């Protein structure tokens, strides 16, 4: 089994779905299956950011973009995960899906934004449950 047999890709938004699909496209010859995941972060005792129905609808839209852009070239599964920690939920879902790697596109932002948000990209690579691959920005290649 190769590292890229089954890749889980976290998707944060509509824009991210498009950009991540394009960043993954050059590597599809090495990939047999893609699982696109949107994590709905739960408040953990606090009020959630938006009604769950709306967040589920948004997740379905984001994931449909990945399926429409990559589904003709590779098998695509979609998942919506729920958790208080986005990073833990990504690795839990990767294990549950049988993914051999997590591939993500680092999102921009200033240092202060990353500091305040907890910088998910950094947390993804510090203690991964499966191999983690950062995809390059296709516009910068």
Foldseek 3Di string as FASTA:
>chain_A
DDLQAEEEEEAAAQVQLVQVLVLCVVVLVVYAEYEYEYEQADPVPDDGPDDPVVVVVRQVNSQVSNCVSCVVRHHYHYYYHYYNDPLVRSQVVCVVVVRQEYEYEQDDDDPVVCVVVVNSVVVCPPDHPHHYHHGYRPVVD
